[in-house]
C-alpha atoms as a PDB file:
ATOM      1  CA  UNK A   1     -11.110 -25.906 -11.011  1.00  0.00           C
ATOM      2  CA  UNK A   2     -12.548 -22.852  -9.946  1.00  0.00           C
ATOM      3  CA  UNK A   3     -14.425 -21.934 -13.155  1.00  0.00           C
ATOM      4  CA  UNK A   4     -15.952 -25.204 -13.096  1.00  0.00           C
ATOM      5  CA  UNK A   5     -17.764 -24.304  -9.818  1.00  0.00           C
ATOM      6  CA  UNK A   6     -18.547 -20.675 -11.131  1.00  0.00           C
ATOM      7  CA  UNK A   7     -15.654 -19.027  -9.177  1.00  0.00           C
ATOM      8  CA  UNK A   8     -13.701 -16.150 -10.384  1.00  0.00           C
ATOM      9  CA  UNK A   9     -11.355 -16.908  -7.504  1.00  0.00           C
ATOM     10  CA  UNK A  10     -10.839 -18.682  -4.121  1.00  0.00           C
ATOM     11  CA  UNK A  11     -13.300 -17.633  -1.711  1.00  0.00           C
ATOM     12  CA  UNK A  12     -10.887 -17.033   1.001  1.00  0.00           C
ATOM     13  CA  UNK A  13      -9.592 -14.313  -1.136  1.00  0.00           C
ATOM     14  CA  UNK A  14     -13.292 -12.901  -1.180  1.00  0.00           C
ATOM     15  CA  UNK A  15     -13.554 -13.155   2.233  1.00  0.00           C
ATOM     16  CA  UNK A  16     -10.467 -10.959   3.211  1.00  0.00           C
ATOM     17  CA  UNK A  17     -11.610  -8.568   0.986  1.00  0.00           C
ATOM     18  CA  UNK A  18     -14.940  -8.004   2.560  1.00  0.00           C
ATOM     19  CA  UNK A  19     -13.290  -7.972   6.284  1.00  0.00           C
ATOM     20  CA  UNK A  20     -11.410  -5.134   5.048  1.00  0.00           C
ATOM     21  CA  UNK A  21     -14.077  -3.169   3.165  1.00  0.00           C
ATOM     22  CA  UNK A  22     -17.228  -3.659   5.863  1.00  0.00           C
ATOM     23  CA  UNK A  23     -15.331  -1.597   8.702  1.00  0.00           C
ATOM     24  CA  UNK A  24     -13.807   0.940   6.083  1.00  0.00           C
ATOM     25  CA  UNK A  25     -10.238  -0.237   5.702  1.00  0.00           C
ATOM     26  CA  UNK A  26      -7.915  -0.754   3.243  1.00  0.00           C
ATOM     27  CA  UNK A  27      -4.297  -1.699   2.756  1.00  0.00           C
ATOM     28  CA  UNK A  28      -1.209  -0.317   1.912  1.00  0.00           C
ATOM     29  CA  UNK A  29       2.206  -2.039   2.087  1.00  0.00           C
ATOM     30  CA  UNK A  30       6.079  -1.057   3.146  1.00  0.00           C
ATOM     31  CA  UNK A  31       8.537  -2.657   1.164  1.00  0.00           C
ATOM     32  CA  UNK A  32      12.390  -3.504   2.331  1.00  0.00           C
ATOM     33  CA  UNK A  33      15.200  -5.644   0.943  1.00  0.00           C
ATOM     34  CA  UNK A  34      14.289  -8.392   3.803  1.00  0.00           C
ATOM     35  CA  UNK A  35      10.587  -8.242   3.402  1.00  0.00           C
ATOM     36  CA  UNK A  36       7.232  -6.626   2.363  1.00  0.00           C
ATOM     37  CA  UNK A  37       4.925  -5.989   4.823  1.00  0.00           C
ATOM     38  CA  UNK A  38       0.960  -5.309   4.636  1.00  0.00           C
ATOM     39  CA  UNK A  39      -0.912  -2.551   6.860  1.00  0.00           C
ATOM     40  CA  UNK A  40      -4.562  -1.523   7.259  1.00  0.00           C
ATOM     41  CA  UNK A  41      -5.794   1.798   7.510  1.00  0.00           C
ATOM     42  CA  UNK A  42      -9.040   3.270   7.264  1.00  0.00           C
ATOM     43  CA  UNK A  43      -9.661   4.235   3.630  1.00  0.00           C
ATOM     44  CA  UNK A  44      -9.431   7.647   2.983  1.00  0.00           C
ATOM     45  CA  UNK A  45      -6.494   7.899   4.963  1.00  0.00           C
ATOM     46  CA  UNK A  46      -3.576  10.560   3.854  1.00  0.00           C
ATOM     47  CA  UNK A  47       0.108   9.499   3.263  1.00  0.00           C
ATOM     48  CA  UNK A  48       1.151  10.817   7.500  1.00  0.00           C
ATOM     49  CA  UNK A  49      -1.658   9.247   8.746  1.00  0.00           C
ATOM     50  CA  UNK A  50      -0.872   5.977   7.096  1.00  0.00           C
ATOM     51  CA  UNK A  51       2.562   6.686   8.092  1.00  0.00           C
ATOM     52  CA  UNK A  52       1.961   6.797  11.782  1.00  0.00           C
ATOM     53  CA  UNK A  53       0.477   3.512  11.674  1.00  0.00           C
ATOM     54  CA  UNK A  54       3.696   2.326  11.405  1.00  0.00           C
ATOM     55  CA  UNK A  55       5.374   4.600  14.034  1.00  0.00           C
ATOM     56  CA  UNK A  56       4.044   7.970  15.252  1.00  0.00           C
ATOM     57  CA  UNK A  57       6.968   9.743  14.743  1.00  0.00           C
ATOM     58  CA  UNK A  58       6.231   9.009  11.041  1.00  0.00           C
ATOM     59  CA  UNK A  59       3.229  10.718  11.145  1.00  0.00           C
ATOM     60  CA  UNK A  60       4.781  13.703  13.472  1.00  0.00           C
ATOM     61  CA  UNK A  61       7.753  14.690  11.205  1.00  0.00           C
ATOM     62  CA  UNK A  62       5.924  13.577   7.922  1.00  0.00           C
ATOM     63  CA  UNK A  63       8.158  14.709   4.563  1.00  0.00           C
ATOM     64  CA  UNK A  64       6.823  13.051   2.082  1.00  0.00           C
ATOM     65  CA  UNK A  65       6.517   9.428   0.982  1.00  0.00           C
ATOM     66  CA  UNK A  66       7.399   7.573  -2.398  1.00  0.00           C
ATOM     67  CA  UNK A  67       4.654   5.695  -3.473  1.00  0.00           C
ATOM     68  CA  UNK A  68       3.979   2.555  -6.123  1.00  0.00           C
ATOM     69  CA  UNK A  69       1.497   0.150  -6.569  1.00  0.00           C
ATOM     70  CA  UNK A  70       1.617  -3.744  -6.067  1.00  0.00           C
ATOM     71  CA  UNK A  71       0.569  -3.903  -9.846  1.00  0.00           C
ATOM     72  CA  UNK A  72       3.913  -1.657 -10.925  1.00  0.00           C
ATOM     73  CA  UNK A  73       5.760  -4.260  -8.689  1.00  0.00           C
ATOM     74  CA  UNK A  74       4.114  -7.317 -10.818  1.00  0.00           C
ATOM     75  CA  UNK A  75       4.806  -5.486 -13.871  1.00  0.00           C
ATOM     76  CA  UNK A  76       8.364  -4.408 -13.377  1.00  0.00           C
ATOM     77  CA  UNK A  77       9.784  -6.967 -10.593  1.00  0.00           C
ATOM     78  CA  UNK A  78      12.245  -4.473  -8.855  1.00  0.00           C
ATOM     79  CA  UNK A  79      12.175  -0.789  -7.610  1.00  0.00           C
ATOM     80  CA  UNK A  80      14.870  -0.131  -9.573  1.00  0.00           C
ATOM     81  CA  UNK A  81      12.799  -1.088 -12.890  1.00  0.00           C
ATOM     82  CA  UNK A  82      10.168   0.979 -11.374  1.00  0.00           C
ATOM     83  CA  UNK A  83      12.181   3.938 -10.985  1.00  0.00           C
ATOM     84  CA  UNK A  84      13.504   3.576 -13.987  1.00  0.00           C
ATOM     85  CA  UNK A  85      10.456   3.370 -15.971  1.00  0.00           C
ATOM     86  CA  UNK A  86       9.029   7.142 -13.873  1.00  0.00           C
ATOM     87  CA  UNK A  87       6.309   5.281 -11.965  1.00  0.00           C
ATOM     88  CA  UNK A  88       7.776   6.011  -8.502  1.00  0.00           C
ATOM     89  CA  UNK A  89       5.624   9.158  -7.036  1.00  0.00           C
ATOM     90  CA  UNK A  90       6.828  11.228  -4.506  1.00  0.00           C
ATOM     91  CA  UNK A  91       3.664  12.566  -2.703  1.00  0.00           C
ATOM     92  CA  UNK A  92       2.782  15.135   0.198  1.00  0.00           C
ATOM     93  CA  UNK A  93       1.012  15.515   2.933  1.00  0.00           C
ATOM     94  CA  UNK A  94      -2.078  15.693   1.292  1.00  0.00           C
ATOM     95  CA  UNK A  95      -1.991  12.615  -0.548  1.00  0.00           C
ATOM     96  CA  UNK A  96      -5.150  10.216   0.021  1.00  0.00           C
ATOM     97  CA  UNK A  97      -3.751   6.425  -0.310  1.00  0.00           C
ATOM     98  CA  UNK A  98      -5.120   3.980  -2.391  1.00  0.00           C
ATOM     99  CA  UNK A  99      -5.525   0.382  -1.691  1.00  0.00           C
ATOM    100  CA  UNK A 100      -2.178  -1.587  -2.148  1.00  0.00           C
ATOM    101  CA  UNK A 101      -0.023   1.222  -2.576  1.00  0.00           C
ATOM    102  CA  UNK A 102       3.126   0.330  -1.193  1.00  0.00           C
ATOM    103  CA  UNK A 103       5.540   3.192   0.479  1.00  0.00           C
ATOM    104  CA  UNK A 104       8.434   4.263   1.942  1.00  0.00           C
ATOM    105  CA  UNK A 105       8.078   7.389   4.457  1.00  0.00           C
ATOM    106  CA  UNK A 106      10.582  10.142   4.977  1.00  0.00           C
ATOM    107  CA  UNK A 107      10.133  12.244   8.131  1.00  0.00           C
ATOM    108  CA  UNK A 108      12.443  13.930  10.422  1.00  0.00           C
ATOM    109  CA  UNK A 109      11.775  13.786  14.183  1.00  0.00           C
END
């Protein structure tokens, strides 16, 4: 139906992407056994800054972030399979988040 009217994706997807892009935002996700949640952060934010969006203690006591991408999750289906494929990355303080990263923040306060 979209192709019939010359669209590549639904208009809501385009609108959502532009609402993030115009003020310079991007999204990253956190994932747990019960939910995956998206968070907004300024484009160019470091891993500790992104952790601070969740809780200030995450930024203050940042140790590292374990990161994989949404595309890896789509491909491998589980975090265990992502780890087994060697696609889980361990990133430090200077890591700049990419749009659609999925992060686990390790911290100590």
